[in-house]
All heavy atoms as atom14 arrays in JSON, in Angstrom:
{
  "sequence": "NKAISNLDDSYDLVVTHQDLTDRARQQTPSAVHVSVDNFMASPR",
  "atom14_mask": [
    [1, 1, 1, 1, 1, 1, 1, 1, 0, 0, 0, 0, 0, 0],
    [1, 1, 1, 1, 1, 1, 1, 1, 1, 0, 0, 0, 0, 0],
    [1, 1, 1, 1, 1, 0, 0, 0, 0, 0, 0, 0, 0, 0],
    [1, 1, 1, 1, 1, 1, 1, 1, 0, 0, 0, 0, 0, 0],
    [1, 1, 1, 1, 1, 1, 0, 0, 0, 0, 0, 0, 0, 0],
    [1, 1, 1, 1, 1, 1, 1, 1, 0, 0, 0, 0, 0, 0],
    [1, 1, 1, 1, 1, 1, 1, 1, 0, 0, 0, 0, 0, 0],
    [1, 1, 1, 1, 1, 1, 1, 1, 0, 0, 0, 0, 0, 0],
    [1, 1, 1, 1, 1, 1, 1, 1, 0, 0, 0, 0, 0, 0],
    [1, 1, 1, 1, 1, 1, 0, 0, 0, 0, 0, 0, 0, 0],
    [1, 1, 1, 1, 1, 1, 1, 1, 1, 1, 1, 1, 0, 0],
    [1, 1, 1, 1, 1, 1, 1, 1, 0, 0, 0, 0, 0, 0],
    [1, 1, 1, 1, 1, 1, 1, 1, 0, 0, 0, 0, 0, 0],
    [1, 1, 1, 1, 1, 1, 1, 0, 0, 0, 0, 0, 0, 0],
    [1, 1, 1, 1, 1, 1, 1, 0, 0, 0, 0, 0, 0, 0],
    [1, 1, 1, 1, 1, 1, 1, 0, 0, 0, 0, 0, 0, 0],
    [1, 1, 1, 1, 1, 1, 1, 1, 1, 1, 0, 0, 0, 0],
    [1, 1, 1, 1, 1, 1, 1, 1, 1, 0, 0, 0, 0, 0],
    [1, 1, 1, 1, 1, 1, 1, 1, 0, 0, 0, 0, 0, 0],
    [1, 1, 1, 1, 1, 1, 1, 1, 0, 0, 0, 0, 0, 0],
    [1, 1, 1, 1, 1, 1, 1, 0, 0, 0, 0, 0, 0, 0],
    [1, 1, 1, 1, 1, 1, 1, 1, 0, 0, 0, 0, 0, 0],
    [1, 1, 1, 1, 1, 1, 1, 1, 1, 1, 1, 0, 0, 0],
    [1, 1, 1, 1, 1, 0, 0, 0, 0, 0, 0, 0, 0, 0],
    [1, 1, 1, 1, 1, 1, 1, 1, 1, 1, 1, 0, 0, 0],
    [1, 1, 1, 1, 1, 1, 1, 1, 1, 0, 0, 0, 0, 0],
    [1, 1, 1, 1, 1, 1, 1, 1, 1, 0, 0, 0, 0, 0],
    [1, 1, 1, 1, 1, 1, 1, 0, 0, 0, 0, 0, 0, 0],
    [1, 1, 1, 1, 1, 1, 1, 0, 0, 0, 0, 0, 0, 0],
    [1, 1, 1, 1, 1, 1, 0, 0, 0, 0, 0, 0, 0, 0],
    [1, 1, 1, 1, 1, 0, 0, 0, 0, 0, 0, 0, 0, 0],
    [1, 1, 1, 1, 1, 1, 1, 0, 0, 0, 0, 0, 0, 0],
    [1, 1, 1, 1, 1, 1, 1, 1, 1, 1, 0, 0, 0, 0],
    [1, 1, 1, 1, 1, 1, 1, 0, 0, 0, 0, 0, 0, 0],
    [1, 1, 1, 1, 1, 1, 0, 0, 0, 0, 0, 0, 0, 0],
    [1, 1, 1, 1, 1, 1, 1, 0, 0, 0, 0, 0, 0, 0],
    [1, 1, 1, 1, 1, 1, 1, 1, 0, 0, 0, 0, 0, 0],
    [1, 1, 1, 1, 1, 1, 1, 1, 0, 0, 0, 0, 0, 0],
    [1, 1, 1, 1, 1, 1, 1, 1, 1, 1, 1, 0, 0, 0],
    [1, 1, 1, 1, 1, 1, 1, 1, 0, 0, 0, 0, 0, 0],
    [1, 1, 1, 1, 1, 0, 0, 0, 0, 0, 0, 0, 0, 0],
    [1, 1, 1, 1, 1, 1, 0, 0, 0, 0, 0, 0, 0, 0],
    [1, 1, 1, 1, 1, 1, 1, 0, 0, 0, 0, 0, 0, 0],
    [1, 1, 1, 1, 1, 1, 1, 1, 1, 1, 1, 0, 0, 0]
  ],
  "atom14_positions": [
    [[167.18, 80.59, 149.87], [167.72, 81.9, 150.27], [169.22, 81.9, 150.02], [169.91, 80.89, 150.2], [167.41, 82.21, 151.73], [168.09, 81.27, 152.69], [167.68, 80.11, 152.8], [169.12, 81.74, 153.39], [0.0, 0.0, 0.0], [0.0, 0.0, 0.0], [0.0, 0.0, 0.0], [0.0, 0.0, 0.0], [0.0, 0.0, 0.0], [0.0, 0.0, 0.0]],
    [[169.73, 83.05, 149.58], [171.13, 83.18, 149.2], [171.67, 84.54, 149.6], [170.91, 85.52, 149.69], [171.29, 83.03, 147.67], [171.05, 81.64, 147.13], [172.25, 80.75, 147.36], [172.08, 79.4, 146.67], [173.26, 78.53, 146.89], [0.0, 0.0, 0.0], [0.0, 0.0, 0.0], [0.0, 0.0, 0.0], [0.0, 0.0, 0.0], [0.0, 0.0, 0.0]],
    [[172.98, 84.6, 149.83], [173.65, 85.89, 149.86], [173.79, 86.39, 148.43], [173.99, 85.58, 147.5], [175.02, 85.77, 150.52], [0.0, 0.0, 0.0], [0.0, 0.0, 0.0], [0.0, 0.0, 0.0], [0.0, 0.0, 0.0], [0.0, 0.0, 0.0], [0.0, 0.0, 0.0], [0.0, 0.0, 0.0], [0.0, 0.0, 0.0], [0.0, 0.0, 0.0]],
    [[173.66, 87.68, 148.22], [173.75, 88.21, 146.86], [175.08, 87.83, 146.21], [175.13, 87.51, 145.01], [173.56, 89.74, 146.87], [172.1, 90.09, 147.11], [174.03, 90.38, 145.57], [171.77, 91.55, 147.09], [0.0, 0.0, 0.0], [0.0, 0.0, 0.0], [0.0, 0.0, 0.0], [0.0, 0.0, 0.0], [0.0, 0.0, 0.0], [0.0, 0.0, 0.0]],
    [[176.14, 87.83, 146.99], [177.46, 87.5, 146.44], [177.53, 86.06, 145.95], [178.41, 85.71, 145.16], [178.55, 87.75, 147.49], [178.32, 86.97, 148.64], [0.0, 0.0, 0.0], [0.0, 0.0, 0.0], [0.0, 0.0, 0.0], [0.0, 0.0, 0.0], [0.0, 0.0, 0.0], [0.0, 0.0, 0.0], [0.0, 0.0, 0.0], [0.0, 0.0, 0.0]],
    [[176.62, 85.2, 146.43], [176.63, 83.79, 146.04], [175.62, 83.47, 144.94], [175.46, 82.31, 144.57], [176.35, 82.91, 147.25], [177.45, 82.97, 148.29], [178.6, 83.23, 147.96], [177.11, 82.75, 149.55], [0.0, 0.0, 0.0], [0.0, 0.0, 0.0], [0.0, 0.0, 0.0], [0.0, 0.0, 0.0], [0.0, 0.0, 0.0], [0.0, 0.0, 0.0]],
    [[174.94, 84.47, 144.42], [173.99, 84.24, 143.34], [174.72, 83.91, 142.04], [175.83, 84.4, 141.8], [173.11, 85.47, 143.11], [172.01, 85.78, 144.13], [171.37, 87.12, 143.79], [170.96, 84.68, 144.14], [0.0, 0.0, 0.0], [0.0, 0.0, 0.0], [0.0, 0.0, 0.0], [0.0, 0.0, 0.0], [0.0, 0.0, 0.0], [0.0, 0.0, 0.0]],
    [[174.09, 83.08, 141.22], [174.57, 82.89, 139.85], [173.36, 83.04, 138.93], [172.24, 83.23, 139.38], [175.26, 81.53, 139.68], [174.37, 80.37, 140.09], [173.17, 80.36, 139.7], [174.84, 79.47, 140.8], [0.0, 0.0, 0.0], [0.0, 0.0, 0.0], [0.0, 0.0, 0.0], [0.0, 0.0, 0.0], [0.0, 0.0, 0.0], [0.0, 0.0, 0.0]],
    [[173.59, 82.93, 137.64], [172.53, 83.24, 136.68], [171.71, 82.0, 136.33], [171.24, 81.86, 135.19], [173.14, 83.84, 135.41], [172.14, 84.72, 134.66], [171.13, 85.11, 135.28], [172.37, 85.02, 133.47], [0.0, 0.0, 0.0], [0.0, 0.0, 0.0], [0.0, 0.0, 0.0], [0.0, 0.0, 0.0], [0.0, 0.0, 0.0], [0.0, 0.0, 0.0]],
    [[171.49, 81.12, 137.31], [170.73, 79.9, 137.05], [169.29, 79.98, 137.55], [168.52, 79.05, 137.36], [171.43, 78.7, 137.72], [171.47, 78.87, 139.14], [0.0, 0.0, 0.0], [0.0, 0.0, 0.0], [0.0, 0.0, 0.0], [0.0, 0.0, 0.0], [0.0, 0.0, 0.0], [0.0, 0.0, 0.0], [0.0, 0.0, 0.0], [0.0, 0.0, 0.0]],
    [[168.93, 81.09, 138.19], [167.59, 81.2, 138.78], [166.63, 81.87, 137.8], [167.0, 82.77, 137.05], [167.65, 81.98, 140.09], [168.51, 81.31, 141.13], [169.81, 81.74, 141.37], [168.03, 80.21, 141.84], [170.61, 81.11, 142.3], [168.83, 79.57, 142.77], [170.12, 80.02, 143.0], [170.91, 79.38, 143.92], [0.0, 0.0, 0.0], [0.0, 0.0, 0.0]],
    [[165.37, 81.42, 137.86], [164.35, 82.01, 137.0], [163.84, 83.34, 137.55], [163.48, 84.23, 136.79], [163.17, 81.05, 136.84], [163.59, 79.72, 136.23], [164.37, 79.73, 135.27], [163.13, 78.67, 136.73], [0.0, 0.0, 0.0], [0.0, 0.0, 0.0], [0.0, 0.0, 0.0], [0.0, 0.0, 0.0], [0.0, 0.0, 0.0], [0.0, 0.0, 0.0]],
    [[163.77, 83.45, 138.87], [163.24, 84.66, 139.5], [164.03, 84.93, 140.78], [164.34, 84.0, 141.53], [161.74, 84.49, 139.81], [160.98, 85.7, 140.34], [159.54, 85.7, 139.8], [160.95, 85.72, 141.86], [0.0, 0.0, 0.0], [0.0, 0.0, 0.0], [0.0, 0.0, 0.0], [0.0, 0.0, 0.0], [0.0, 0.0, 0.0], [0.0, 0.0, 0.0]],
    [[164.34, 86.2, 141.01], [165.11, 86.6, 142.18], [164.34, 87.68, 142.93], [163.9, 88.66, 142.33], [166.51, 87.12, 141.8], [167.26, 87.6, 143.05], [167.31, 86.01, 141.11], [0.0, 0.0, 0.0], [0.0, 0.0, 0.0], [0.0, 0.0, 0.0], [0.0, 0.0, 0.0], [0.0, 0.0, 0.0], [0.0, 0.0, 0.0], [0.0, 0.0, 0.0]],
    [[164.17, 87.48, 144.24], [163.47, 88.43, 145.09], [164.49, 89.08, 146.02], [165.28, 88.38, 146.66], [162.37, 87.75, 145.93], [161.57, 88.78, 146.72], [161.44, 86.94, 145.04], [0.0, 0.0, 0.0], [0.0, 0.0, 0.0], [0.0, 0.0, 0.0], [0.0, 0.0, 0.0], [0.0, 0.0, 0.0], [0.0, 0.0, 0.0], [0.0, 0.0, 0.0]],
    [[164.48, 90.4, 146.1], [165.4, 91.12, 146.98], [164.7, 92.32, 147.59], [163.66, 92.75, 147.13], [166.64, 91.64, 146.2], [166.19, 92.4, 145.08], [167.53, 90.52, 145.73], [0.0, 0.0, 0.0], [0.0, 0.0, 0.0], [0.0, 0.0, 0.0], [0.0, 0.0, 0.0], [0.0, 0.0, 0.0], [0.0, 0.0, 0.0], [0.0, 0.0, 0.0]],
    [[165.32, 92.84, 148.65], [164.9, 94.13, 149.17], [165.14, 95.18, 148.09], [166.07, 95.09, 147.3], [165.68, 94.48, 150.44], [165.2, 95.72, 151.13], [165.61, 96.98, 150.75], [164.34, 95.91, 152.16], [165.03, 97.88, 151.52], [164.25, 97.25, 152.39], [0.0, 0.0, 0.0], [0.0, 0.0, 0.0], [0.0, 0.0, 0.0], [0.0, 0.0, 0.0]],
    [[164.27, 96.2, 148.05], [164.34, 97.18, 146.98], [165.7, 97.87, 146.89], [166.13, 98.28, 145.8], [163.25, 98.24, 147.17], [163.36, 99.01, 148.47], [162.15, 99.89, 148.73], [161.05, 99.56, 148.31], [162.35, 100.98, 149.43], [0.0, 0.0, 0.0], [0.0, 0.0, 0.0], [0.0, 0.0, 0.0], [0.0, 0.0, 0.0], [0.0, 0.0, 0.0]],
    [[166.42, 97.99, 148.01], [167.71, 98.66, 147.99], [168.82, 97.77, 147.43], [169.93, 98.24, 147.19], [168.1, 99.11, 149.4], [167.2, 100.21, 149.92], [166.57, 100.89, 149.09], [167.11, 100.38, 151.15], [0.0, 0.0, 0.0], [0.0, 0.0, 0.0], [0.0, 0.0, 0.0], [0.0, 0.0, 0.0], [0.0, 0.0, 0.0], [0.0, 0.0, 0.0]],
    [[168.51, 96.47, 147.24], [169.54, 95.53, 146.78], [169.27, 95.01, 145.37], [170.06, 94.23, 144.85], [169.62, 94.34, 147.76], [170.0, 94.66, 149.2], [169.9, 93.41, 150.06], [171.41, 95.23, 149.27], [0.0, 0.0, 0.0], [0.0, 0.0, 0.0], [0.0, 0.0, 0.0], [0.0, 0.0, 0.0], [0.0, 0.0, 0.0], [0.0, 0.0, 0.0]],
    [[168.19, 95.44, 144.76], [167.8, 94.87, 143.47], [168.85, 95.11, 142.39], [169.15, 94.21, 141.59], [166.44, 95.44, 143.02], [165.45, 95.15, 144.02], [166.0, 94.84, 141.7], [0.0, 0.0, 0.0], [0.0, 0.0, 0.0], [0.0, 0.0, 0.0], [0.0, 0.0, 0.0], [0.0, 0.0, 0.0], [0.0, 0.0, 0.0], [0.0, 0.0, 0.0]],
    [[169.43, 96.29, 142.36], [170.43, 96.59, 141.33], [171.64, 95.66, 141.46], [172.19, 95.2, 140.46], [170.88, 98.05, 141.43], [169.82, 99.02, 140.9], [168.93, 98.55, 140.16], [169.88, 100.21, 141.23], [0.0, 0.0, 0.0], [0.0, 0.0, 0.0], [0.0, 0.0, 0.0], [0.0, 0.0, 0.0], [0.0, 0.0, 0.0], [0.0, 0.0, 0.0]],
    [[172.07, 95.39, 142.7], [173.2, 94.47, 142.9], [172.84, 93.06, 142.45], [173.64, 92.37, 141.81], [173.61, 94.45, 144.38], [174.38, 95.68, 144.84], [174.65, 95.63, 146.32], [175.33, 94.4, 146.71], [175.46, 93.99, 147.98], [174.94, 94.71, 148.95], [176.1, 92.88, 148.25], [0.0, 0.0, 0.0], [0.0, 0.0, 0.0], [0.0, 0.0, 0.0]],
    [[171.64, 92.63, 142.79], [171.21, 91.29, 142.4], [171.1, 91.16, 140.89], [171.43, 90.11, 140.32], [169.87, 90.95, 143.06], [0.0, 0.0, 0.0], [0.0, 0.0, 0.0], [0.0, 0.0, 0.0], [0.0, 0.0, 0.0], [0.0, 0.0, 0.0], [0.0, 0.0, 0.0], [0.0, 0.0, 0.0], [0.0, 0.0, 0.0], [0.0, 0.0, 0.0]],
    [[170.65, 92.21, 140.23], [170.49, 92.16, 138.78], [171.85, 91.98, 138.08], [171.93, 91.35, 137.03], [169.78, 93.44, 138.3], [169.38, 93.39, 136.84], [168.56, 94.59, 136.44], [167.18, 94.47, 136.88], [166.6, 95.24, 137.78], [167.29, 96.21, 138.35], [165.34, 95.06, 138.11], [0.0, 0.0, 0.0], [0.0, 0.0, 0.0], [0.0, 0.0, 0.0]],
    [[172.91, 92.52, 138.67], [174.24, 92.33, 138.1], [174.68, 90.87, 138.2], [175.37, 90.37, 137.31], [175.25, 93.22, 138.83], [175.01, 94.71, 138.61], [175.93, 95.58, 139.45], [176.86, 95.07, 140.08], [175.68, 96.88, 139.48], [0.0, 0.0, 0.0], [0.0, 0.0, 0.0], [0.0, 0.0, 0.0], [0.0, 0.0, 0.0], [0.0, 0.0, 0.0]],
    [[174.26, 90.18, 139.26], [174.64, 88.77, 139.46], [173.79, 87.83, 138.6], [174.27, 86.79, 138.17], [174.48, 88.39, 140.92], [175.37, 89.14, 141.9], [176.81, 88.68, 141.83], [177.68, 89.4, 141.36], [177.08, 87.47, 142.28], [0.0, 0.0, 0.0], [0.0, 0.0, 0.0], [0.0, 0.0, 0.0], [0.0, 0.0, 0.0], [0.0, 0.0, 0.0]],
    [[172.52, 88.21, 138.4], [171.59, 87.33, 137.67], [170.84, 88.14, 136.61], [169.65, 88.39, 136.74], [170.58, 86.69, 138.65], [169.92, 87.75, 139.37], [171.27, 85.78, 139.63], [0.0, 0.0, 0.0], [0.0, 0.0, 0.0], [0.0, 0.0, 0.0], [0.0, 0.0, 0.0], [0.0, 0.0, 0.0], [0.0, 0.0, 0.0], [0.0, 0.0, 0.0]],
    [[171.52, 88.52, 135.54], [170.9, 89.41, 134.54], [169.75, 88.79, 133.78], [168.89, 89.51, 133.27], [172.07, 89.74, 133.6], [173.05, 88.62, 133.79], [172.93, 88.21, 135.21], [0.0, 0.0, 0.0], [0.0, 0.0, 0.0], [0.0, 0.0, 0.0], [0.0, 0.0, 0.0], [0.0, 0.0, 0.0], [0.0, 0.0, 0.0], [0.0, 0.0, 0.0]],
    [[169.69, 87.46, 133.67], [168.63, 86.85, 132.87], [167.39, 86.51, 133.69], [166.37, 86.1, 133.12], [169.16, 85.58, 132.2], [169.5, 84.6, 133.16], [0.0, 0.0, 0.0], [0.0, 0.0, 0.0], [0.0, 0.0, 0.0], [0.0, 0.0, 0.0], [0.0, 0.0, 0.0], [0.0, 0.0, 0.0], [0.0, 0.0, 0.0], [0.0, 0.0, 0.0]],
    [[167.43, 86.69, 135.0], [166.28, 86.35, 135.84], [165.27, 87.48, 135.88], [165.58, 88.63, 135.6], [166.76, 86.03, 137.26], [0.0, 0.0, 0.0], [0.0, 0.0, 0.0], [0.0, 0.0, 0.0], [0.0, 0.0, 0.0], [0.0, 0.0, 0.0], [0.0, 0.0, 0.0], [0.0, 0.0, 0.0], [0.0, 0.0, 0.0], [0.0, 0.0, 0.0]],
    [[164.03, 87.13, 136.21], [163.02, 88.14, 136.53], [163.31, 88.63, 137.95], [163.53, 87.82, 138.85], [161.6, 87.55, 136.46], [160.57, 88.58, 136.9], [161.31, 87.06, 135.05], [0.0, 0.0, 0.0], [0.0, 0.0, 0.0], [0.0, 0.0, 0.0], [0.0, 0.0, 0.0], [0.0, 0.0, 0.0], [0.0, 0.0, 0.0], [0.0, 0.0, 0.0]],
    [[163.33, 89.94, 138.16], [163.66, 90.49, 139.48], [162.44, 91.16, 140.09], [161.74, 91.94, 139.44], [164.81, 91.49, 139.37], [166.13, 90.83, 139.15], [167.0, 90.54, 140.17], [166.71, 90.37, 138.02], [168.07, 89.94, 139.69], [167.92, 89.83, 138.37], [0.0, 0.0, 0.0], [0.0, 0.0, 0.0], [0.0, 0.0, 0.0], [0.0, 0.0, 0.0]],
    [[162.2, 90.86, 141.35], [161.08, 91.42, 142.09], [161.63, 92.1, 143.34], [162.39, 91.5, 144.1], [160.07, 90.32, 142.49], [158.96, 90.91, 143.35], [159.49, 89.66, 141.25], [0.0, 0.0, 0.0], [0.0, 0.0, 0.0], [0.0, 0.0, 0.0], [0.0, 0.0, 0.0], [0.0, 0.0, 0.0], [0.0, 0.0, 0.0], [0.0, 0.0, 0.0]],
    [[161.24, 93.36, 143.54], [161.69, 94.13, 144.7], [160.6, 94.16, 145.76], [159.42, 94.32, 145.43], [162.04, 95.57, 144.3], [163.05, 95.58, 143.31], [0.0, 0.0, 0.0], [0.0, 0.0, 0.0], [0.0, 0.0, 0.0], [0.0, 0.0, 0.0], [0.0, 0.0, 0.0], [0.0, 0.0, 0.0], [0.0, 0.0, 0.0], [0.0, 0.0, 0.0]],
    [[160.98, 94.01, 147.02], [160.03, 94.09, 148.13], [160.57, 95.04, 149.19], [161.77, 95.3, 149.25], [159.77, 92.7, 148.77], [159.19, 91.74, 147.75], [161.04, 92.12, 149.38], [0.0, 0.0, 0.0], [0.0, 0.0, 0.0], [0.0, 0.0, 0.0], [0.0, 0.0, 0.0], [0.0, 0.0, 0.0], [0.0, 0.0, 0.0], [0.0, 0.0, 0.0]],
    [[159.67, 95.56, 150.02], [160.12, 96.38, 151.14], [159.55, 95.88, 152.46], [159.78, 96.48, 153.5], [159.75, 97.86, 150.94], [158.25, 98.08, 150.86], [157.5, 97.09, 150.93], [157.84, 99.25, 150.73], [0.0, 0.0, 0.0], [0.0, 0.0, 0.0], [0.0, 0.0, 0.0], [0.0, 0.0, 0.0], [0.0, 0.0, 0.0], [0.0, 0.0, 0.0]],
    [[158.79, 94.79, 152.41], [158.24, 94.17, 153.61], [158.39, 92.66, 153.43], [157.68, 92.06, 152.64], [156.77, 94.56, 153.8], [156.17, 94.0, 155.08], [156.57, 92.95, 155.57], [155.19, 94.7, 155.61], [0.0, 0.0, 0.0], [0.0, 0.0, 0.0], [0.0, 0.0, 0.0], [0.0, 0.0, 0.0], [0.0, 0.0, 0.0], [0.0, 0.0, 0.0]],
    [[159.31, 92.06, 154.17], [159.62, 90.65, 153.96], [158.5, 89.73, 154.45], [158.35, 88.63, 153.96], [160.92, 90.28, 154.68], [162.14, 90.9, 154.06], [162.66, 92.08, 154.54], [162.76, 90.29, 152.98], [163.77, 92.65, 153.96], [163.88, 90.86, 152.4], [164.39, 92.04, 152.89], [0.0, 0.0, 0.0], [0.0, 0.0, 0.0], [0.0, 0.0, 0.0]],
    [[157.74, 90.16, 155.45], [156.75, 89.28, 156.05], [155.4, 89.32, 155.33], [154.69, 88.32, 155.31], [156.54, 89.66, 157.52], [157.77, 89.48, 158.38], [158.41, 87.8, 158.36], [156.99, 86.91, 158.95], [0.0, 0.0, 0.0], [0.0, 0.0, 0.0], [0.0, 0.0, 0.0], [0.0, 0.0, 0.0], [0.0, 0.0, 0.0], [0.0, 0.0, 0.0]],
    [[155.03, 90.45, 154.78], [153.67, 90.56, 154.23], [153.65, 91.38, 152.95], [152.76, 92.19, 152.73], [152.74, 91.18, 155.27], [0.0, 0.0, 0.0], [0.0, 0.0, 0.0], [0.0, 0.0, 0.0], [0.0, 0.0, 0.0], [0.0, 0.0, 0.0], [0.0, 0.0, 0.0], [0.0, 0.0, 0.0], [0.0, 0.0, 0.0], [0.0, 0.0, 0.0]],
    [[154.62, 91.17, 152.08], [154.68, 91.95, 150.85], [153.59, 91.51, 149.88], [153.4, 90.31, 149.64], [156.04, 91.8, 150.18], [156.05, 92.45, 148.93], [0.0, 0.0, 0.0], [0.0, 0.0, 0.0], [0.0, 0.0, 0.0], [0.0, 0.0, 0.0], [0.0, 0.0, 0.0], [0.0, 0.0, 0.0], [0.0, 0.0, 0.0], [0.0, 0.0, 0.0]],
    [[152.85, 92.46, 149.28], [151.86, 92.1, 148.26], [152.51, 91.5, 147.01], [151.83, 90.85, 146.22], [151.17, 93.43, 147.94], [152.14, 94.49, 148.36], [152.88, 93.92, 149.53], [0.0, 0.0, 0.0], [0.0, 0.0, 0.0], [0.0, 0.0, 0.0], [0.0, 0.0, 0.0], [0.0, 0.0, 0.0], [0.0, 0.0, 0.0], [0.0, 0.0, 0.0]],
    [[153.81, 91.7, 146.87], [154.5, 91.13, 145.7], [154.5, 89.6, 145.73], [154.59, 88.95, 144.68], [155.94, 91.64, 145.62], [156.13, 93.15, 145.6], [155.31, 93.83, 144.51], [155.55, 93.31, 143.19], [156.53, 93.73, 142.39], [157.33, 94.7, 142.78], [156.67, 93.23, 141.2], [0.0, 0.0, 0.0], [0.0, 0.0, 0.0], [0.0, 0.0, 0.0]]
  ]
}
């Protein structure tokens, strides 16, 4: 787990809340990004 501000482009896949995905994509443009809206039981 990371703060978005501490992300770098070394991760293969990044999971974020749907409202934060655009910010995360700027930090890690080469990763696969997955958006969720339920942290405990997301079908994603």
